Every structure is written in structure tokens, then in C-alpha cells.
């Protein structure tokens, strides 16, 4: 569950739950008719957006680590440069 909290905020979890609940309600009220295909398409689009959000977080974490390491190297270079100027 903690890994899920890393990727989804509280608002996203609410949207996921509401989308699933509305899909289930539509399934039971409309039955297996033509309209359920539209409901399923909407559900799948919502699911795709959720998956894209999850993947964006997975891609952003390594980039953030790389940026932090680059920033640390720049700080070290700047501190050495200041030390060299002082001498």
C-alpha cells in the first residue's frame, strides 16, 4: 500500500474508486446492451490515464535523482572555484 501512496495522491484514489463504482452501476442498470460498450470505453480511457500517471511518476524518480547528483557536482565545482579564487 505504501508504494501505491507514492504514485497516487488521495484525489487520484478517489477518482479511481468513483470511476469503478460508476462503471459497476452502469453495468447493472443497463445490462449487456449497446450502451455498455460506451461505458466500457469510458472506463478504459480513465484506466489508461491512471496508468499513464503511474508511469510518469516511475519515470520522474530516476530523473530527479540524476538532477540531484548533477546539482551536487555543480556545487562541489563552485566551492572549489571559490577556494581557488581565494588563494
N, C-alpha and C. Protein backbone atom coordinates (compact mmCIF):
# COMPACT_ATOMS: atom_id res chain seq x y z
N UNK A 1 0.82 -1.20 0.00
CA UNK A 1 0.00 0.00 0.00
C UNK A 1 0.86 1.25 0.00
N UNK A 2 2.04 1.20 0.64
CA UNK A 2 2.88 2.39 0.68
C UNK A 2 3.39 2.74 -0.71
N UNK A 3 3.65 1.73 -1.54
CA UNK A 3 4.08 2.01 -2.92
C UNK A 3 2.97 2.70 -3.70
N UNK A 4 1.73 2.33 -3.44
CA UNK A 4 0.61 2.98 -4.11
C UNK A 4 0.52 4.45 -3.69
N UNK A 5 0.78 4.73 -2.44
CA UNK A 5 0.73 6.11 -1.96
C UNK A 5 1.82 6.96 -2.59
N UNK A 6 2.93 6.34 -2.99
CA UNK A 6 3.99 7.08 -3.66
C UNK A 6 3.54 7.56 -5.03
N UNK A 7 2.70 6.78 -5.69
CA UNK A 7 2.34 7.07 -7.06
C UNK A 7 1.01 7.80 -7.20
N UNK A 8 0.11 7.60 -6.27
CA UNK A 8 -1.21 8.20 -6.36
C UNK A 8 -1.49 9.03 -5.13
N UNK A 9 -1.97 10.24 -5.34
CA UNK A 9 -2.38 11.05 -4.22
C UNK A 9 -3.82 10.68 -3.85
N UNK A 10 -4.33 11.28 -2.80
CA UNK A 10 -5.66 10.95 -2.30
C UNK A 10 -6.73 11.25 -3.36
N UNK A 11 -6.59 12.35 -4.07
CA UNK A 11 -7.55 12.71 -5.11
C UNK A 11 -7.61 11.68 -6.22
N UNK A 12 -6.46 11.16 -6.64
CA UNK A 12 -6.42 10.14 -7.69
C UNK A 12 -7.10 8.86 -7.24
N UNK A 13 -6.88 8.48 -5.99
CA UNK A 13 -7.53 7.28 -5.47
C UNK A 13 -9.04 7.43 -5.43
N UNK A 14 -9.51 8.62 -5.10
CA UNK A 14 -10.95 8.88 -5.10
C UNK A 14 -11.51 8.78 -6.52
N UNK A 15 -10.80 9.35 -7.49
CA UNK A 15 -11.25 9.28 -8.89
C UNK A 15 -11.30 7.83 -9.36
N UNK A 16 -10.31 7.04 -9.00
CA UNK A 16 -10.30 5.62 -9.38
C UNK A 16 -11.52 4.92 -8.79
N UNK A 17 -11.77 5.14 -7.52
CA UNK A 17 -12.90 4.47 -6.85
C UNK A 17 -14.23 4.90 -7.46
N UNK A 18 -14.41 6.20 -7.67
CA UNK A 18 -15.67 6.70 -8.23
C UNK A 18 -15.87 6.17 -9.65
N UNK A 19 -14.82 6.15 -10.45
CA UNK A 19 -14.93 5.64 -11.82
C UNK A 19 -15.35 4.18 -11.81
N UNK A 20 -14.73 3.39 -10.95
CA UNK A 20 -15.09 1.97 -10.88
C UNK A 20 -16.53 1.78 -10.39
N UNK A 21 -16.93 2.54 -9.39
CA UNK A 21 -18.29 2.43 -8.86
C UNK A 21 -19.32 2.81 -9.93
N UNK A 22 -19.07 3.91 -10.65
CA UNK A 22 -20.00 4.32 -11.70
C UNK A 22 -20.06 3.30 -12.82
N UNK A 23 -18.92 2.69 -13.17
CA UNK A 23 -18.92 1.65 -14.18
C UNK A 23 -19.74 0.45 -13.73
N UNK A 24 -19.57 0.05 -12.47
CA UNK A 24 -20.33 -1.09 -11.95
C UNK A 24 -21.82 -0.79 -11.93
N UNK A 25 -22.19 0.42 -11.53
CA UNK A 25 -23.60 0.80 -11.53
C UNK A 25 -24.16 0.76 -12.95
N UNK A 26 -23.42 1.31 -13.91
CA UNK A 26 -23.88 1.30 -15.30
C UNK A 26 -24.02 -0.12 -15.81
N UNK A 27 -23.13 -0.99 -15.40
CA UNK A 27 -23.20 -2.39 -15.83
C UNK A 27 -24.48 -3.05 -15.35
N UNK A 28 -24.85 -2.80 -14.09
CA UNK A 28 -26.04 -3.43 -13.55
C UNK A 28 -27.33 -2.75 -13.99
N UNK A 29 -27.31 -1.44 -14.24
CA UNK A 29 -28.55 -0.77 -14.64
C UNK A 29 -28.83 -0.91 -16.12
N UNK A 30 -27.81 -0.93 -16.95
CA UNK A 30 -28.01 -1.02 -18.39
C UNK A 30 -27.94 -2.44 -18.91
N UNK A 31 -27.35 -3.31 -18.14
CA UNK A 31 -27.20 -4.69 -18.60
C UNK A 31 -26.19 -4.77 -19.73
N UNK A 32 -26.20 -5.89 -20.43
CA UNK A 32 -25.24 -6.09 -21.52
C UNK A 32 -25.85 -5.62 -22.84
N UNK A 33 -26.06 -4.31 -22.94
CA UNK A 33 -26.62 -3.73 -24.16
C UNK A 33 -25.54 -2.95 -24.89
N UNK A 34 -25.95 -2.30 -25.96
CA UNK A 34 -25.01 -1.49 -26.75
C UNK A 34 -24.42 -0.36 -25.91
N UNK A 35 -25.20 0.21 -24.99
CA UNK A 35 -24.72 1.32 -24.17
C UNK A 35 -23.57 0.93 -23.25
N UNK A 36 -23.51 -0.34 -22.90
CA UNK A 36 -22.43 -0.77 -22.01
C UNK A 36 -21.07 -0.68 -22.72
N UNK A 37 -21.07 -0.79 -24.04
CA UNK A 37 -19.81 -0.63 -24.78
C UNK A 37 -19.27 0.79 -24.62
N UNK A 38 -20.15 1.76 -24.63
CA UNK A 38 -19.74 3.15 -24.41
C UNK A 38 -19.21 3.32 -22.99
N UNK A 39 -19.90 2.75 -22.03
CA UNK A 39 -19.44 2.82 -20.64
C UNK A 39 -18.07 2.16 -20.48
N UNK A 40 -17.88 1.01 -21.13
CA UNK A 40 -16.60 0.30 -21.05
C UNK A 40 -15.49 1.13 -21.68
N UNK A 41 -15.79 1.80 -22.79
CA UNK A 41 -14.79 2.65 -23.44
C UNK A 41 -14.38 3.79 -22.54
N UNK A 42 -15.34 4.40 -21.88
CA UNK A 42 -15.04 5.50 -20.96
C UNK A 42 -14.20 4.98 -19.79
N UNK A 43 -14.55 3.82 -19.29
CA UNK A 43 -13.79 3.22 -18.19
C UNK A 43 -12.35 2.94 -18.62
N UNK A 44 -12.17 2.42 -19.83
CA UNK A 44 -10.82 2.11 -20.31
C UNK A 44 -9.99 3.36 -20.53
N UNK A 45 -10.62 4.43 -20.99
CA UNK A 45 -9.89 5.70 -21.15
C UNK A 45 -9.44 6.20 -19.78
N UNK A 46 -10.32 6.12 -18.80
CA UNK A 46 -9.94 6.52 -17.44
C UNK A 46 -8.80 5.66 -16.92
N UNK A 47 -8.89 4.38 -17.15
CA UNK A 47 -7.83 3.46 -16.72
C UNK A 47 -6.51 3.78 -17.40
N UNK A 48 -6.55 4.10 -18.67
CA UNK A 48 -5.33 4.46 -19.40
C UNK A 48 -4.69 5.72 -18.82
N UNK A 49 -5.51 6.71 -18.49
CA UNK A 49 -4.98 7.93 -17.88
C UNK A 49 -4.33 7.65 -16.52
N UNK A 50 -4.93 6.75 -15.78
CA UNK A 50 -4.36 6.38 -14.48
C UNK A 50 -3.02 5.68 -14.66
N UNK A 51 -2.95 4.77 -15.62
CA UNK A 51 -1.70 4.06 -15.89
C UNK A 51 -0.62 5.03 -16.36
N UNK A 52 -0.99 5.99 -17.20
CA UNK A 52 -0.02 6.99 -17.66
C UNK A 52 0.50 7.82 -16.50
N UNK A 53 -0.37 8.17 -15.58
CA UNK A 53 0.05 8.91 -14.39
C UNK A 53 1.04 8.10 -13.57
N UNK A 54 0.77 6.82 -13.41
CA UNK A 54 1.66 5.93 -12.66
C UNK A 54 3.02 5.85 -13.33
N UNK A 55 3.04 5.70 -14.65
CA UNK A 55 4.31 5.59 -15.36
C UNK A 55 5.10 6.90 -15.31
N UNK A 56 4.40 8.03 -15.32
CA UNK A 56 5.08 9.31 -15.23
C UNK A 56 5.84 9.44 -13.91
N UNK A 57 5.24 8.97 -12.84
CA UNK A 57 5.93 9.01 -11.55
C UNK A 57 7.15 8.10 -11.58
N UNK A 58 7.00 6.90 -12.17
CA UNK A 58 8.14 5.98 -12.27
C UNK A 58 9.28 6.57 -13.10
N UNK A 59 8.95 7.32 -14.13
CA UNK A 59 9.98 7.93 -14.97
C UNK A 59 10.60 9.16 -14.31
N UNK A 60 9.83 9.86 -13.51
CA UNK A 60 10.31 11.10 -12.90
C UNK A 60 11.30 10.84 -11.77
N UNK A 61 11.15 9.74 -11.06
CA UNK A 61 12.04 9.47 -9.91
C UNK A 61 13.51 9.34 -10.32
N UNK A 62 13.86 8.54 -11.35
CA UNK A 62 15.28 8.48 -11.73
C UNK A 62 15.80 9.81 -12.26
N UNK A 63 14.95 10.54 -12.97
CA UNK A 63 15.37 11.84 -13.46
C UNK A 63 15.69 12.79 -12.32
N UNK A 64 14.86 12.75 -11.28
CA UNK A 64 15.10 13.60 -10.12
C UNK A 64 16.41 13.23 -9.43
N UNK A 65 16.69 11.94 -9.32
CA UNK A 65 17.96 11.51 -8.72
C UNK A 65 19.15 12.00 -9.55
N UNK A 66 19.03 11.90 -10.88
CA UNK A 66 20.11 12.38 -11.75
C UNK A 66 20.31 13.88 -11.61
N UNK A 67 19.21 14.62 -11.55
CA UNK A 67 19.32 16.07 -11.38
C UNK A 67 19.95 16.43 -10.04
N UNK A 68 19.61 15.68 -9.00
CA UNK A 68 20.21 15.93 -7.69
C UNK A 68 21.71 15.66 -7.71
N UNK A 69 22.13 14.59 -8.39
CA UNK A 69 23.57 14.31 -8.45
C UNK A 69 24.30 15.36 -9.28
N UNK A 70 23.69 15.82 -10.35
CA UNK A 70 24.31 16.88 -11.16
C UNK A 70 24.42 18.15 -10.34
N UNK A 71 23.38 18.48 -9.59
CA UNK A 71 23.42 19.68 -8.76
C UNK A 71 24.52 19.57 -7.69
N UNK A 72 24.71 18.40 -7.14
CA UNK A 72 25.77 18.21 -6.15
C UNK A 72 27.15 18.41 -6.78
N UNK A 73 27.34 17.89 -7.98
CA UNK A 73 28.62 18.07 -8.68
C UNK A 73 28.87 19.55 -8.97
N UNK A 74 27.85 20.25 -9.39
CA UNK A 74 27.99 21.69 -9.67
C UNK A 74 28.34 22.44 -8.39
N UNK A 75 27.73 22.09 -7.28
CA UNK A 75 28.06 22.74 -6.01
C UNK A 75 29.52 22.50 -5.63
N UNK A 76 29.99 21.25 -5.82
CA UNK A 76 31.39 20.97 -5.50
C UNK A 76 32.34 21.77 -6.39
N UNK A 77 32.02 21.85 -7.67
CA UNK A 77 32.86 22.61 -8.60
C UNK A 77 32.86 24.08 -8.22
N UNK A 78 31.69 24.62 -7.87
CA UNK A 78 31.62 26.03 -7.47
C UNK A 78 32.41 26.30 -6.19
N UNK A 79 32.33 25.37 -5.24
CA UNK A 79 33.08 25.58 -4.00
C UNK A 79 34.58 25.49 -4.24
N UNK A 80 35.03 24.59 -5.11
CA UNK A 80 36.45 24.51 -5.46
C UNK A 80 36.88 25.77 -6.20
N UNK A 81 36.01 26.29 -7.05
CA UNK A 81 36.34 27.50 -7.81
C UNK A 81 36.48 28.69 -6.86
N UNK A 82 35.59 28.79 -5.87
CA UNK A 82 35.70 29.87 -4.90
C UNK A 82 36.98 29.74 -4.07
N UNK A 83 37.31 28.49 -3.73
CA UNK A 83 38.53 28.25 -2.95
C UNK A 83 39.76 28.64 -3.76
N UNK A 84 39.76 28.32 -5.05
CA UNK A 84 40.89 28.67 -5.92
C UNK A 84 41.01 30.17 -6.12
N UNK A 85 39.90 30.87 -6.18
CA UNK A 85 39.93 32.34 -6.32
C UNK A 85 40.46 33.00 -5.06
N UNK A 86 40.12 32.41 -3.92
CA UNK A 86 40.57 32.98 -2.65
C UNK A 86 42.08 32.85 -2.47
N UNK A 87 42.66 31.85 -3.09
CA UNK A 87 44.12 31.63 -2.93
C UNK A 87 44.83 32.54 -3.83
